[in-house]
Amino acid sequence: MHTRTVLARLAPLAAVGVLVAGCGGDATPVTPAPDTETENGAEGAATELTIKINYDEGSELAPEDAEPKEWTLTCSPAGGDHPAPEQACADLEKAGGPKAFDEVPEDQMCTHIYGGPEIAAVTGHVDDTEIDTEFNKSGGCEITRYENMGSVLEP
């Protein structure tokens, strides 16, 4: 009888563990591409991204004075007009390089929470992978995906 009681108490905890684990991302490290720096320092970079941060206009959480932001980011070599290109490139590599831009699978179980009004559109390329995606904070999986990008989206 004691074993059944312990198992009944552990079942909800195990279910929460499965949900939390399901919201994580695949953070496979990527080997940096060879340095492709040219005379101007950015042309031929292994990573070239345009990042646009906007705010959901219908959100009560959007700052009243929030202005859209737009940056370019290059890695290998780090550059562009991003406020923190070296840190952003390191965070991008830590997040999994091109895999960091994978969409959340439609059948992924995620919590229904709201993390903020930020919407980030990212286009360009990482190594040979073309990037054209959007990040937001509407749901646990999307929040995790946004936060995994670190200073790429939040310098």
Protein backbone atom coordinates (compact mmCIF):
# COMPACT_ATOMS: atom_id res chain seq x y z
CA MET A 1 0.00 0.00 0.00
CA HIS A 2 2.88 2.37 0.81
CA THR A 3 4.41 1.88 -2.67
CA ARG A 4 1.11 2.78 -4.37
CA THR A 5 0.85 6.00 -2.31
CA VAL A 6 4.42 7.01 -3.16
CA LEU A 7 3.83 6.33 -6.86
CA ALA A 8 0.59 8.32 -6.82
CA ARG A 9 2.45 11.28 -5.32
CA LEU A 10 5.35 11.04 -7.79
CA ALA A 11 3.20 10.80 -10.95
CA PRO A 12 2.33 14.55 -11.11
CA LEU A 13 5.97 15.45 -10.50
CA ALA A 14 7.06 13.18 -13.34
CA ALA A 15 4.46 14.75 -15.64
CA VAL A 16 5.79 18.24 -14.87
CA GLY A 17 9.33 17.04 -15.57
CA VAL A 18 8.29 15.74 -18.97
CA LEU A 19 6.60 19.05 -19.83
CA VAL A 20 9.61 21.11 -18.78
CA ALA A 21 12.01 18.86 -20.68
CA GLY A 22 9.81 19.11 -23.77
CA CYS A 23 10.10 22.90 -23.83
CA GLY A 24 13.90 22.89 -24.06
CA GLY A 25 15.79 23.38 -27.29
CA ASP A 26 18.46 21.33 -28.98
CA ALA A 27 21.71 23.12 -28.20
CA THR A 28 24.19 21.15 -30.29
CA PRO A 29 27.48 23.07 -30.47
CA VAL A 30 28.56 24.13 -33.94
CA THR A 31 32.18 24.23 -35.03
CA PRO A 32 32.99 27.76 -36.15
CA ALA A 33 33.53 28.25 -39.86
CA PRO A 34 36.99 29.19 -41.05
CA ASP A 35 37.72 32.90 -40.91
CA THR A 36 36.46 34.43 -44.15
CA GLU A 37 37.38 38.02 -43.38
CA THR A 38 38.04 40.19 -46.39
CA GLU A 39 39.44 43.68 -46.74
CA ASN A 40 36.30 45.40 -45.40
CA GLY A 41 35.96 43.00 -42.44
CA ALA A 42 32.37 41.83 -43.02
CA GLU A 43 32.00 40.72 -46.63
CA GLY A 44 31.99 36.93 -46.84
CA ALA A 45 31.26 36.47 -43.14
CA ALA A 46 30.07 33.00 -42.12
CA THR A 47 27.02 34.59 -40.47
CA GLU A 48 25.14 37.61 -41.76
CA LEU A 49 21.81 38.40 -40.09
CA THR A 50 19.33 41.26 -40.06
CA ILE A 51 17.46 41.41 -36.75
CA LYS A 52 14.31 43.51 -36.34
CA ILE A 53 12.71 43.83 -32.89
CA ASN A 54 9.13 45.14 -32.69
CA TYR A 55 6.44 45.08 -30.04
CA ASP A 56 2.93 43.65 -30.24
CA GLU A 57 0.86 46.82 -30.49
CA GLY A 58 -2.16 45.17 -28.87
CA SER A 59 -0.21 44.25 -25.75
CA GLU A 60 -0.67 46.19 -22.52
CA LEU A 61 2.89 45.18 -21.62
CA ALA A 62 4.53 47.01 -24.53
CA PRO A 63 6.48 50.02 -23.26
CA GLU A 64 4.78 53.28 -24.25
CA ASP A 65 8.00 54.70 -25.67
CA ALA A 66 9.10 51.43 -27.31
CA GLU A 67 10.79 52.05 -30.62
CA PRO A 68 11.44 49.26 -33.11
CA LYS A 69 15.08 48.22 -33.30
CA GLU A 70 17.04 46.92 -36.26
CA TRP A 71 20.59 45.60 -36.37
CA THR A 72 22.88 43.67 -38.61
CA LEU A 73 25.10 40.99 -37.12
CA THR A 74 28.04 39.26 -38.74
CA CYS A 75 30.12 36.49 -37.20
CA SER A 76 33.50 35.15 -38.33
CA PRO A 77 34.39 38.02 -38.09
CA ALA A 78 32.08 39.56 -35.47
CA GLY A 79 30.69 42.88 -36.62
CA GLY A 80 27.73 44.77 -38.01
CA ASP A 81 25.88 47.49 -36.12
CA HIS A 82 24.59 45.09 -33.43
CA PRO A 83 25.27 46.62 -29.98
CA ALA A 84 27.27 43.58 -28.78
CA PRO A 85 28.45 41.56 -31.79
CA GLU A 86 31.12 39.46 -30.03
CA GLN A 87 28.73 38.34 -27.28
CA ALA A 88 25.90 37.79 -29.78
CA CYS A 89 28.12 35.56 -31.94
CA ALA A 90 29.20 33.57 -28.88
CA ASP A 91 25.56 33.21 -27.76
CA LEU A 92 24.52 32.13 -31.26
CA GLU A 93 27.17 29.42 -31.29
CA LYS A 94 26.15 28.30 -27.78
CA ALA A 95 22.47 28.16 -28.88
CA GLY A 96 23.35 25.77 -31.71
CA GLY A 97 24.21 27.96 -34.70
CA PRO A 98 21.71 27.35 -37.51
CA LYS A 99 19.70 24.91 -35.34
CA ALA A 100 18.85 27.79 -32.99
CA PHE A 101 16.50 29.10 -35.68
CA ASP A 102 14.44 25.90 -35.96
CA GLU A 103 10.73 26.50 -35.42
CA VAL A 104 8.92 24.89 -32.50
CA PRO A 105 7.27 21.71 -33.87
CA GLU A 106 3.49 22.04 -34.19
CA ASP A 107 2.91 18.94 -32.07
CA GLN A 108 5.25 20.15 -29.28
CA MET A 109 3.54 20.36 -25.88
CA CYS A 110 4.11 23.84 -24.47
CA THR A 111 2.79 25.85 -21.56
CA HIS A 112 0.27 28.57 -22.38
CA ILE A 113 1.93 31.58 -20.80
CA TYR A 114 2.69 35.06 -22.08
CA GLY A 115 6.27 36.27 -21.73
CA GLY A 116 6.10 39.71 -23.28
CA PRO A 117 5.28 41.77 -26.34
CA GLU A 118 8.62 41.37 -28.14
CA ILE A 119 8.58 40.05 -31.71
CA ALA A 120 11.90 39.50 -33.47
CA ALA A 121 12.19 38.89 -37.21
CA VAL A 122 15.54 37.43 -38.29
CA THR A 123 16.71 36.98 -41.88
CA GLY A 124 20.05 36.18 -43.49
CA HIS A 125 22.29 33.15 -43.24
CA VAL A 126 24.35 31.18 -40.74
CA ASP A 127 27.06 29.27 -42.59
CA ASP A 128 25.23 27.76 -45.58
CA THR A 129 21.79 27.79 -43.92
CA GLU A 130 19.34 30.50 -45.02
CA ILE A 131 17.44 32.05 -42.11
CA ASP A 132 13.98 33.62 -42.30
CA THR A 133 12.12 33.22 -39.02
CA GLU A 134 10.29 35.02 -36.25
CA PHE A 135 10.73 34.80 -32.49
CA ASN A 136 8.11 35.85 -29.93
CA LYS A 137 7.23 35.25 -26.30
CA SER A 138 3.76 33.75 -26.62
CA GLY A 139 3.98 30.35 -24.98
CA GLY A 140 6.56 28.47 -22.96
CA CYS A 141 8.35 26.93 -25.94
CA GLU A 142 8.55 30.24 -27.81
CA ILE A 143 9.82 32.01 -24.68
CA THR A 144 12.56 29.39 -24.29
CA ARG A 145 13.45 29.68 -27.98
CA TYR A 146 13.68 33.49 -27.66
CA GLU A 147 15.73 33.38 -24.46
CA ASN A 148 18.13 30.73 -25.85
CA MET A 149 19.28 33.31 -28.40
CA GLY A 150 20.73 35.40 -25.56
CA SER A 151 22.28 38.68 -26.67
CA VAL A 152 21.49 38.00 -30.33
CA LEU A 153 17.99 39.29 -29.56
CA GLU A 154 18.59 41.03 -26.21
CA PRO A 155 22.00 42.79 -26.21
